[in-house]
Amino acid sequence: MSTRKPEKIKRRDLLDRLWDLGRIMSTQTVFLHQAIAQSVGLNATDTKCVDLILRGPGDAVTAGWLSNMTGLTTGAVTHILDRLEKRGIVERVRDPSDRRKVFVHVRQESLAPLTPRYEAIGKAYLRLVEQYSDKELRLICEYLEKVSALSEQELAKVISARSKYE
């Protein structure tokens, strides 16, 4: 029986591995969402915009809000909403107190083709995370919250820099 201690992994190697895994996960996530979206005749940007609308500040959002959240131009958002409205996924409703303002909300029944696909992924993720302790899950959640906030900040910087050249 060997009494050798396991070799300590250098911090630089851990950081490099974390960076690589982040890139791999990001790429796989993009292509997973694209494949799911294509399975119902949409694209990943369409379905992610639907997700943003669902998680928005109310049961409906404006195209301007969606443009700010995504960094897409208002013209691009208009095209996305046109596609989604044509498919019956979203509905535009004029604000009764300000007819210039248009709200967009998701028609819940239109999500039926997507729901089983996302539920299957959710169940697979739940099976994966069941192996972690509550303490480990809190650490994972903290890390993901910080990564999400950082990504949001970096998106804002890119959008700001881009607008200087338009």
N, C-alpha and C. Protein backbone atom coordinates (compact mmCIF):
# COMPACT_ATOMS: atom_id res chain seq x y z
N MET A 1 0.85 -1.18 0.00
CA MET A 1 0.00 0.00 0.00
C MET A 1 0.89 1.24 0.00
N SER A 2 0.59 2.15 -0.88
CA SER A 2 1.39 3.36 -1.02
C SER A 2 0.94 4.40 0.00
N THR A 3 1.91 5.11 0.55
CA THR A 3 1.60 6.17 1.51
C THR A 3 1.85 7.54 0.91
N ARG A 4 2.05 7.57 -0.42
CA ARG A 4 2.28 8.86 -1.09
C ARG A 4 1.04 9.72 -1.02
N LYS A 5 1.28 10.99 -0.75
CA LYS A 5 0.18 11.95 -0.75
C LYS A 5 -0.16 12.30 -2.20
N PRO A 6 -1.45 12.56 -2.45
CA PRO A 6 -1.81 12.97 -3.81
C PRO A 6 -1.07 14.25 -4.17
N GLU A 7 -0.67 14.32 -5.42
CA GLU A 7 0.06 15.50 -5.89
C GLU A 7 -0.85 16.72 -5.85
N LYS A 8 -0.36 17.80 -5.28
CA LYS A 8 -1.14 19.02 -5.19
C LYS A 8 -1.17 19.70 -6.57
N ILE A 9 -2.37 20.04 -7.00
CA ILE A 9 -2.53 20.71 -8.28
C ILE A 9 -2.22 22.19 -8.09
N LYS A 10 -1.39 22.70 -8.97
CA LYS A 10 -1.00 24.11 -8.88
C LYS A 10 -2.19 25.01 -9.20
N ARG A 11 -2.24 26.14 -8.52
CA ARG A 11 -3.33 27.10 -8.72
C ARG A 11 -3.44 27.52 -10.18
N ARG A 12 -2.32 27.77 -10.83
CA ARG A 12 -2.36 28.19 -12.24
C ARG A 12 -3.03 27.12 -13.11
N ASP A 13 -2.73 25.86 -12.81
CA ASP A 13 -3.35 24.76 -13.56
C ASP A 13 -4.86 24.71 -13.31
N LEU A 14 -5.26 24.95 -12.06
CA LEU A 14 -6.69 24.99 -11.74
C LEU A 14 -7.39 26.15 -12.46
N LEU A 15 -6.75 27.30 -12.46
CA LEU A 15 -7.34 28.46 -13.13
C LEU A 15 -7.44 28.22 -14.63
N ASP A 16 -6.41 27.63 -15.21
CA ASP A 16 -6.45 27.31 -16.64
C ASP A 16 -7.57 26.32 -16.94
N ARG A 17 -7.72 25.31 -16.09
CA ARG A 17 -8.77 24.30 -16.29
C ARG A 17 -10.15 24.94 -16.15
N LEU A 18 -10.32 25.82 -15.18
CA LEU A 18 -11.59 26.51 -14.99
C LEU A 18 -11.93 27.35 -16.23
N TRP A 19 -10.95 28.05 -16.75
CA TRP A 19 -11.14 28.86 -17.96
C TRP A 19 -11.56 27.97 -19.14
N ASP A 20 -10.84 26.87 -19.33
CA ASP A 20 -11.17 25.95 -20.43
C ASP A 20 -12.57 25.38 -20.27
N LEU A 21 -12.91 24.96 -19.07
CA LEU A 21 -14.24 24.39 -18.83
C LEU A 21 -15.34 25.43 -19.05
N GLY A 22 -15.08 26.66 -18.67
CA GLY A 22 -16.04 27.74 -18.91
C GLY A 22 -16.28 27.94 -20.40
N ARG A 23 -15.22 27.92 -21.17
CA ARG A 23 -15.35 28.07 -22.63
C ARG A 23 -16.11 26.89 -23.22
N ILE A 24 -15.78 25.69 -22.78
CA ILE A 24 -16.46 24.49 -23.28
C ILE A 24 -17.94 24.56 -22.95
N MET A 25 -18.25 24.87 -21.70
CA MET A 25 -19.65 24.93 -21.26
C MET A 25 -20.42 26.01 -22.03
N SER A 26 -19.80 27.16 -22.24
CA SER A 26 -20.45 28.24 -22.97
C SER A 26 -20.78 27.81 -24.40
N THR A 27 -19.83 27.20 -25.05
CA THR A 27 -20.04 26.74 -26.43
C THR A 27 -21.12 25.68 -26.49
N GLN A 28 -21.04 24.69 -25.60
CA GLN A 28 -22.06 23.64 -25.59
C GLN A 28 -23.44 24.20 -25.31
N THR A 29 -23.52 25.17 -24.43
CA THR A 29 -24.81 25.78 -24.09
C THR A 29 -25.41 26.49 -25.30
N VAL A 30 -24.58 27.24 -26.00
CA VAL A 30 -25.07 27.94 -27.20
C VAL A 30 -25.63 26.94 -28.20
N PHE A 31 -24.88 25.88 -28.49
CA PHE A 31 -25.33 24.91 -29.48
C PHE A 31 -26.50 24.07 -28.99
N LEU A 32 -26.59 23.80 -27.71
CA LEU A 32 -27.74 23.09 -27.16
C LEU A 32 -29.00 23.92 -27.35
N HIS A 33 -28.93 25.21 -27.01
CA HIS A 33 -30.09 26.08 -27.16
C HIS A 33 -30.46 26.27 -28.63
N GLN A 34 -29.46 26.32 -29.49
CA GLN A 34 -29.75 26.43 -30.92
C GLN A 34 -30.46 25.17 -31.42
N ALA A 35 -30.00 24.00 -30.99
CA ALA A 35 -30.62 22.75 -31.42
C ALA A 35 -32.07 22.66 -30.92
N ILE A 36 -32.30 23.04 -29.68
CA ILE A 36 -33.67 23.01 -29.14
C ILE A 36 -34.55 23.98 -29.93
N ALA A 37 -34.05 25.18 -30.15
CA ALA A 37 -34.82 26.19 -30.88
C ALA A 37 -35.14 25.70 -32.30
N GLN A 38 -34.14 25.15 -32.97
CA GLN A 38 -34.35 24.67 -34.35
C GLN A 38 -35.36 23.53 -34.40
N SER A 39 -35.46 22.76 -33.32
CA SER A 39 -36.40 21.64 -33.32
C SER A 39 -37.84 22.11 -33.38
N VAL A 40 -38.08 23.38 -33.07
CA VAL A 40 -39.43 23.94 -33.17
C VAL A 40 -39.48 25.10 -34.18
N GLY A 41 -38.48 25.18 -35.05
CA GLY A 41 -38.48 26.18 -36.12
C GLY A 41 -38.08 27.57 -35.71
N LEU A 42 -37.35 27.71 -34.61
CA LEU A 42 -36.88 29.03 -34.17
C LEU A 42 -35.35 29.03 -34.16
N ASN A 43 -34.77 30.11 -33.65
CA ASN A 43 -33.34 30.13 -33.42
C ASN A 43 -33.08 30.47 -31.96
N ALA A 44 -31.85 30.29 -31.52
CA ALA A 44 -31.52 30.47 -30.11
C ALA A 44 -31.80 31.89 -29.62
N THR A 45 -31.58 32.88 -30.45
CA THR A 45 -31.86 34.26 -30.04
C THR A 45 -33.35 34.44 -29.76
N ASP A 46 -34.18 33.83 -30.61
CA ASP A 46 -35.62 33.92 -30.39
C ASP A 46 -36.00 33.33 -29.03
N THR A 47 -35.52 32.11 -28.76
CA THR A 47 -35.93 31.45 -27.51
C THR A 47 -35.33 32.13 -26.29
N LYS A 48 -34.15 32.68 -26.41
CA LYS A 48 -33.56 33.40 -25.27
C LYS A 48 -34.31 34.71 -25.04
N CYS A 49 -34.80 35.35 -26.09
CA CYS A 49 -35.63 36.55 -25.90
C CYS A 49 -36.94 36.18 -25.21
N VAL A 50 -37.52 35.04 -25.58
CA VAL A 50 -38.73 34.57 -24.89
C VAL A 50 -38.42 34.38 -23.41
N ASP A 51 -37.28 33.77 -23.11
CA ASP A 51 -36.90 33.56 -21.71
C ASP A 51 -36.76 34.89 -20.97
N LEU A 52 -36.13 35.87 -21.62
CA LEU A 52 -35.99 37.19 -20.99
C LEU A 52 -37.35 37.83 -20.72
N ILE A 53 -38.26 37.72 -21.68
CA ILE A 53 -39.60 38.29 -21.50
C ILE A 53 -40.27 37.62 -20.30
N LEU A 54 -40.15 36.28 -20.22
CA LEU A 54 -40.77 35.54 -19.12
C LEU A 54 -40.18 35.94 -17.77
N ARG A 55 -38.88 36.26 -17.74
CA ARG A 55 -38.23 36.63 -16.48
C ARG A 55 -38.16 38.13 -16.29
N GLY A 56 -38.83 38.88 -17.17
CA GLY A 56 -38.78 40.33 -17.12
C GLY A 56 -39.40 40.92 -15.87
N PRO A 57 -39.44 42.24 -15.81
CA PRO A 57 -39.91 42.93 -14.59
C PRO A 57 -41.41 42.81 -14.35
N GLY A 58 -42.14 42.28 -15.28
CA GLY A 58 -43.59 42.09 -15.11
C GLY A 58 -44.04 40.98 -16.03
N ASP A 59 -45.33 40.92 -16.30
CA ASP A 59 -45.80 39.89 -17.21
C ASP A 59 -45.66 40.31 -18.67
N ALA A 60 -45.21 41.54 -18.88
CA ALA A 60 -44.97 42.05 -20.22
C ALA A 60 -43.81 43.05 -20.16
N VAL A 61 -43.11 43.17 -21.28
CA VAL A 61 -41.99 44.10 -21.37
C VAL A 61 -42.14 44.90 -22.66
N THR A 62 -41.30 45.89 -22.82
CA THR A 62 -41.29 46.65 -24.07
C THR A 62 -40.13 46.17 -24.95
N ALA A 63 -40.22 46.48 -26.23
CA ALA A 63 -39.14 46.15 -27.15
C ALA A 63 -37.86 46.87 -26.74
N GLY A 64 -38.00 48.09 -26.24
CA GLY A 64 -36.83 48.84 -25.78
C GLY A 64 -36.13 48.16 -24.62
N TRP A 65 -36.92 47.64 -23.69
CA TRP A 65 -36.34 46.90 -22.56
C TRP A 65 -35.59 45.69 -23.07
N LEU A 66 -36.18 44.96 -24.01
CA LEU A 66 -35.54 43.78 -24.56
C LEU A 66 -34.26 44.15 -25.30
N SER A 67 -34.28 45.26 -25.99
CA SER A 67 -33.07 45.74 -26.67
C SER A 67 -31.97 46.05 -25.66
N ASN A 68 -32.33 46.71 -24.57
CA ASN A 68 -31.35 47.03 -23.52
C ASN A 68 -30.78 45.77 -22.87
N MET A 69 -31.61 44.78 -22.65
CA MET A 69 -31.18 43.55 -21.98
C MET A 69 -30.27 42.69 -22.86
N THR A 70 -30.52 42.73 -24.17
CA THR A 70 -29.77 41.85 -25.08
C THR A 70 -28.59 42.53 -25.75
N GLY A 71 -28.64 43.84 -25.84
CA GLY A 71 -27.62 44.54 -26.60
C GLY A 71 -27.91 44.54 -28.09
N LEU A 72 -29.06 43.98 -28.48
CA LEU A 72 -29.45 43.99 -29.88
C LEU A 72 -30.06 45.34 -30.23
N THR A 73 -29.95 45.72 -31.48
CA THR A 73 -30.57 46.98 -31.89
C THR A 73 -32.08 46.85 -31.80
N THR A 74 -32.75 48.00 -31.74
CA THR A 74 -34.21 47.97 -31.70
C THR A 74 -34.75 47.36 -32.99
N GLY A 75 -34.08 47.58 -34.10
CA GLY A 75 -34.50 46.97 -35.37
C GLY A 75 -34.42 45.46 -35.32
N ALA A 76 -33.33 44.93 -34.76
CA ALA A 76 -33.18 43.48 -34.63
C ALA A 76 -34.26 42.91 -33.71
N VAL A 77 -34.53 43.61 -32.61
CA VAL A 77 -35.56 43.16 -31.68
C VAL A 77 -36.93 43.16 -32.37
N THR A 78 -37.19 44.19 -33.16
CA THR A 78 -38.46 44.24 -33.90
C THR A 78 -38.61 43.03 -34.81
N HIS A 79 -37.55 42.64 -35.51
CA HIS A 79 -37.60 41.45 -36.38
C HIS A 79 -37.85 40.18 -35.57
N ILE A 80 -37.18 40.07 -34.42
CA ILE A 80 -37.38 38.90 -33.56
C ILE A 80 -38.83 38.84 -33.10
N LEU A 81 -39.35 39.98 -32.64
CA LEU A 81 -40.73 40.01 -32.16
C LEU A 81 -41.73 39.75 -33.29
N ASP A 82 -41.41 40.24 -34.49
CA ASP A 82 -42.27 39.94 -35.64
C ASP A 82 -42.34 38.43 -35.88
N ARG A 83 -41.18 37.76 -35.85
CA ARG A 83 -41.15 36.30 -36.05
C ARG A 83 -41.94 35.59 -34.96
N LEU A 84 -41.69 36.00 -33.71
CA LEU A 84 -42.35 35.35 -32.58
C LEU A 84 -43.86 35.60 -32.59
N GLU A 85 -44.27 36.80 -32.99
CA GLU A 85 -45.69 37.12 -33.06
C GLU A 85 -46.35 36.32 -34.19
N LYS A 86 -45.69 36.21 -35.32
CA LYS A 86 -46.22 35.45 -36.45
C LYS A 86 -46.44 33.99 -36.06
N ARG A 87 -45.56 33.45 -35.21
CA ARG A 87 -45.68 32.06 -34.75
C ARG A 87 -46.66 31.92 -33.58
N GLY A 88 -47.20 33.04 -33.09
CA GLY A 88 -48.17 32.99 -31.99
C GLY A 88 -47.52 32.81 -30.63
N ILE A 89 -46.23 33.09 -30.53
CA ILE A 89 -45.51 32.90 -29.26
C ILE A 89 -45.61 34.13 -28.37
N VAL A 90 -45.57 35.30 -28.99
CA VAL A 90 -45.74 36.53 -28.22
C VAL A 90 -46.91 37.32 -28.79
N GLU A 91 -47.36 38.25 -27.99
CA GLU A 91 -48.43 39.14 -28.41
C GLU A 91 -48.03 40.55 -28.02
N ARG A 92 -48.26 41.49 -28.92
CA ARG A 92 -48.01 42.89 -28.62
C ARG A 92 -49.34 43.53 -28.22
N VAL A 93 -49.29 44.32 -27.14
CA VAL A 93 -50.49 44.98 -26.63
C VAL A 93 -50.16 46.45 -26.35
N ARG A 94 -50.96 47.34 -26.92
CA ARG A 94 -50.75 48.77 -26.67
C ARG A 94 -51.14 49.13 -25.25
N ASP A 95 -50.35 50.01 -24.65
CA ASP A 95 -50.66 50.52 -23.32
C ASP A 95 -51.89 51.42 -23.44
N PRO A 96 -52.95 51.10 -22.71
CA PRO A 96 -54.17 51.91 -22.84
C PRO A 96 -53.98 53.36 -22.41
N SER A 97 -53.02 53.61 -21.52
CA SER A 97 -52.82 54.99 -21.06
C SER A 97 -51.81 55.75 -21.92
N ASP A 98 -51.04 55.07 -22.74
CA ASP A 98 -50.08 55.71 -23.64
C ASP A 98 -49.99 54.85 -24.89
N ARG A 99 -50.76 55.17 -25.90
CA ARG A 99 -50.87 54.35 -27.11
C ARG A 99 -49.54 54.21 -27.87
N ARG A 100 -48.57 55.07 -27.56
CA ARG A 100 -47.26 54.95 -28.21
C ARG A 100 -46.47 53.78 -27.65
N LYS A 101 -46.79 53.38 -26.43
CA LYS A 101 -46.06 52.31 -25.75
C LYS A 101 -46.71 50.97 -26.05
N VAL A 102 -45.87 50.00 -26.44
CA VAL A 102 -46.37 48.67 -26.76
C VAL A 102 -45.68 47.66 -25.84
N PHE A 103 -46.48 46.84 -25.20
CA PHE A 103 -45.96 45.78 -24.34
C PHE A 103 -45.96 44.46 -25.09
N VAL A 104 -45.01 43.64 -24.76
CA VAL A 104 -44.91 42.31 -25.36
C VAL A 104 -45.03 41.29 -24.23
N HIS A 105 -45.89 40.33 -24.43
CA HIS A 105 -45.96 39.25 -23.44
C HIS A 105 -46.01 37.90 -24.16
N VAL A 106 -45.57 36.88 -23.46
CA VAL A 106 -45.52 35.54 -24.01
C VAL A 106 -46.88 34.88 -23.82
N ARG A 107 -47.34 34.23 -24.87
CA ARG A 107 -48.57 33.44 -24.80
C ARG A 107 -48.17 32.07 -24.26
N GLN A 108 -48.49 31.82 -23.00
CA GLN A 108 -48.02 30.62 -22.29
C GLN A 108 -48.32 29.32 -23.04
N GLU A 109 -49.49 29.24 -23.64
CA GLU A 109 -49.85 28.01 -24.35
C GLU A 109 -48.94 27.73 -25.54
N SER A 110 -48.28 28.75 -26.05
CA SER A 110 -47.40 28.58 -27.20
C SER A 110 -46.09 27.87 -26.84
N LEU A 111 -45.82 27.77 -25.55
CA LEU A 111 -44.57 27.16 -25.10
C LEU A 111 -44.63 25.63 -25.05
N ALA A 112 -45.80 25.07 -25.30
CA ALA A 112 -45.99 23.61 -25.19
C ALA A 112 -44.94 22.79 -25.96
N PRO A 113 -44.56 23.17 -27.19
CA PRO A 113 -43.55 22.37 -27.89
C PRO A 113 -42.15 22.44 -27.25
N LEU A 114 -41.85 23.53 -26.58
CA LEU A 114 -40.53 23.71 -25.96
C LEU A 114 -40.45 23.10 -24.56
N THR A 115 -41.56 23.10 -23.86
CA THR A 115 -41.57 22.70 -22.46
C THR A 115 -40.95 21.32 -22.21
N PRO A 116 -41.32 20.28 -22.95
CA PRO A 116 -40.73 18.96 -22.67
C PRO A 116 -39.21 18.93 -22.86
N ARG A 117 -38.73 19.68 -23.83
CA ARG A 117 -37.28 19.70 -24.09
C ARG A 117 -36.53 20.32 -22.92
N TYR A 118 -37.03 21.45 -22.42
CA TYR A 118 -36.37 22.11 -21.30
C TYR A 118 -36.58 21.36 -19.99
N GLU A 119 -37.74 20.72 -19.84
CA GLU A 119 -37.96 19.92 -18.63
C GLU A 119 -36.99 18.74 -18.57
N ALA A 120 -36.71 18.13 -19.71
CA ALA A 120 -35.77 17.00 -19.74
C ALA A 120 -34.37 17.45 -19.31
N ILE A 121 -33.96 18.62 -19.79
CA ILE A 121 -32.65 19.15 -19.39
C ILE A 121 -32.66 19.47 -17.91
N GLY A 122 -33.74 20.09 -17.43
CA GLY A 122 -33.85 20.42 -16.01
C GLY A 122 -33.74 19.19 -15.13
N LYS A 123 -34.39 18.13 -15.51
CA LYS A 123 -34.33 16.89 -14.73
C LYS A 123 -32.92 16.31 -14.74
N ALA A 124 -32.25 16.38 -15.88
CA ALA A 124 -30.87 15.87 -15.95
C ALA A 124 -29.95 16.69 -15.06
N TYR A 125 -30.12 18.01 -15.05
CA TYR A 125 -29.31 18.86 -14.18
C TYR A 125 -29.59 18.56 -12.71
N LEU A 126 -30.86 18.35 -12.38
CA LEU A 126 -31.21 18.03 -10.99
C LEU A 126 -30.56 16.73 -10.53
N ARG A 127 -30.56 15.74 -11.41
CA ARG A 127 -29.90 14.47 -11.06
C ARG A 127 -28.41 14.70 -10.81
N LEU A 128 -27.81 15.56 -11.61
CA LEU A 128 -26.38 15.87 -11.45
C LEU A 128 -26.11 16.56 -10.11
N VAL A 129 -26.88 17.57 -9.78
CA VAL A 129 -26.58 18.36 -8.58
C VAL A 129 -26.96 17.66 -7.28
N GLU A 130 -27.75 16.61 -7.37
CA GLU A 130 -28.11 15.87 -6.16
C GLU A 130 -26.89 15.27 -5.45
N GLN A 131 -25.79 15.13 -6.17
CA GLN A 131 -24.59 14.55 -5.57
C GLN A 131 -23.81 15.54 -4.71
N TYR A 132 -24.21 16.82 -4.74
CA TYR A 132 -23.48 17.84 -3.99
C TYR A 132 -24.17 18.14 -2.66
N SER A 133 -23.36 18.50 -1.68
CA SER A 133 -23.90 18.88 -0.37
C SER A 133 -24.51 20.29 -0.47
N ASP A 134 -25.28 20.66 0.53
CA ASP A 134 -25.85 22.01 0.57
C ASP A 134 -24.75 23.07 0.55
N LYS A 135 -23.68 22.82 1.28
CA LYS A 135 -22.56 23.76 1.32
C LYS A 135 -21.95 23.92 -0.07
N GLU A 136 -21.76 22.81 -0.77
CA GLU A 136 -21.20 22.87 -2.12
C GLU A 136 -22.15 23.59 -3.08
N LEU A 137 -23.44 23.32 -2.93
CA LEU A 137 -24.43 23.98 -3.79
C LEU A 137 -24.45 25.48 -3.56
N ARG A 138 -24.30 25.90 -2.29
CA ARG A 138 -24.23 27.34 -2.01
C ARG A 138 -23.02 27.97 -2.70
N LEU A 139 -21.88 27.27 -2.67
CA LEU A 139 -20.68 27.77 -3.33
C LEU A 139 -20.88 27.85 -4.85
N ILE A 140 -21.48 26.82 -5.42
CA ILE A 140 -21.75 26.82 -6.86
C ILE A 140 -22.69 27.96 -7.21
N CYS A 141 -23.75 28.14 -6.43
CA CYS A 141 -24.70 29.24 -6.66
C CYS A 141 -24.00 30.60 -6.56
N GLU A 142 -23.17 30.76 -5.55
CA GLU A 142 -22.44 32.02 -5.38
C GLU A 142 -21.56 32.30 -6.59
N TYR A 143 -20.85 31.27 -7.05
CA TYR A 143 -19.98 31.43 -8.22
C TYR A 143 -20.81 31.81 -9.45
N LEU A 144 -21.90 31.11 -9.70
CA LEU A 144 -22.72 31.39 -10.88
C LEU A 144 -23.36 32.77 -10.80
N GLU A 145 -23.78 33.19 -9.62
CA GLU A 145 -24.33 34.54 -9.46
C GLU A 145 -23.29 35.59 -9.81
N LYS A 146 -22.06 35.39 -9.34
CA LYS A 146 -20.99 36.35 -9.63
C LYS A 146 -20.61 36.34 -11.11
N VAL A 147 -20.57 35.15 -11.72
CA VAL A 147 -20.27 35.06 -13.15
C VAL A 147 -21.35 35.75 -13.96
N SER A 148 -22.60 35.53 -13.57
CA SER A 148 -23.73 36.16 -14.26
C SER A 148 -23.65 37.68 -14.16
N ALA A 149 -23.38 38.20 -12.97
CA ALA A 149 -23.27 39.65 -12.78
C ALA A 149 -22.11 40.21 -13.59
N LEU A 150 -21.00 39.49 -13.59
CA LEU A 150 -19.84 39.93 -14.36
C LEU A 150 -20.15 39.94 -15.85
N SER A 151 -20.83 38.90 -16.33
CA SER A 151 -21.21 38.84 -17.74
C SER A 151 -22.11 40.00 -18.11
N GLU A 152 -23.04 40.33 -17.22
CA GLU A 152 -23.94 41.46 -17.46
C GLU A 152 -23.15 42.77 -17.55
N GLN A 153 -22.18 42.94 -16.67
CA GLN A 153 -21.34 44.15 -16.70
C GLN A 153 -20.53 44.22 -17.99
N GLU A 154 -19.97 43.09 -18.39
CA GLU A 154 -19.16 43.07 -19.61
C GLU A 154 -20.02 43.31 -20.84
N LEU A 155 -21.23 42.78 -20.86
CA LEU A 155 -22.15 43.05 -21.97
C LEU A 155 -22.43 44.54 -22.07
N ALA A 156 -22.67 45.18 -20.93
CA ALA A 156 -22.92 46.62 -20.92
C ALA A 156 -21.73 47.39 -21.48
N LYS A 157 -20.52 46.96 -21.15
CA LYS A 157 -19.32 47.63 -21.68
C LYS A 157 -19.22 47.47 -23.19
N VAL A 158 -19.49 46.27 -23.68
CA VAL A 158 -19.42 46.01 -25.13
C VAL A 158 -20.46 46.86 -25.85
N ILE A 159 -21.66 46.91 -25.31
CA ILE A 159 -22.73 47.69 -25.92
C ILE A 159 -22.35 49.17 -25.93
N SER A 160 -21.81 49.65 -24.83
CA SER A 160 -21.41 51.05 -24.73
C SER A 160 -20.31 51.38 -25.73
N ALA A 161 -19.33 50.51 -25.84
CA ALA A 161 -18.23 50.74 -26.78
C ALA A 161 -18.72 50.67 -28.21
N ARG A 162 -19.64 49.76 -28.50
CA ARG A 162 -20.18 49.60 -29.84
C ARG A 162 -20.94 50.84 -30.26
N SER A 163 -21.72 51.41 -29.34
CA SER A 163 -22.54 52.57 -29.67
C SER A 163 -21.69 53.78 -30.02
N LYS A 164 -20.46 53.83 -29.58
CA LYS A 164 -19.56 54.93 -29.92
C LYS A 164 -19.16 54.90 -31.38
N TYR A 165 -19.25 53.70 -32.01
CA TYR A 165 -18.82 53.54 -33.40
C TYR A 165 -19.97 53.51 -34.38
N GLU A 166 -21.19 53.55 -33.86
CA GLU A 166 -22.36 53.49 -34.75
C GLU A 166 -22.82 54.87 -35.16
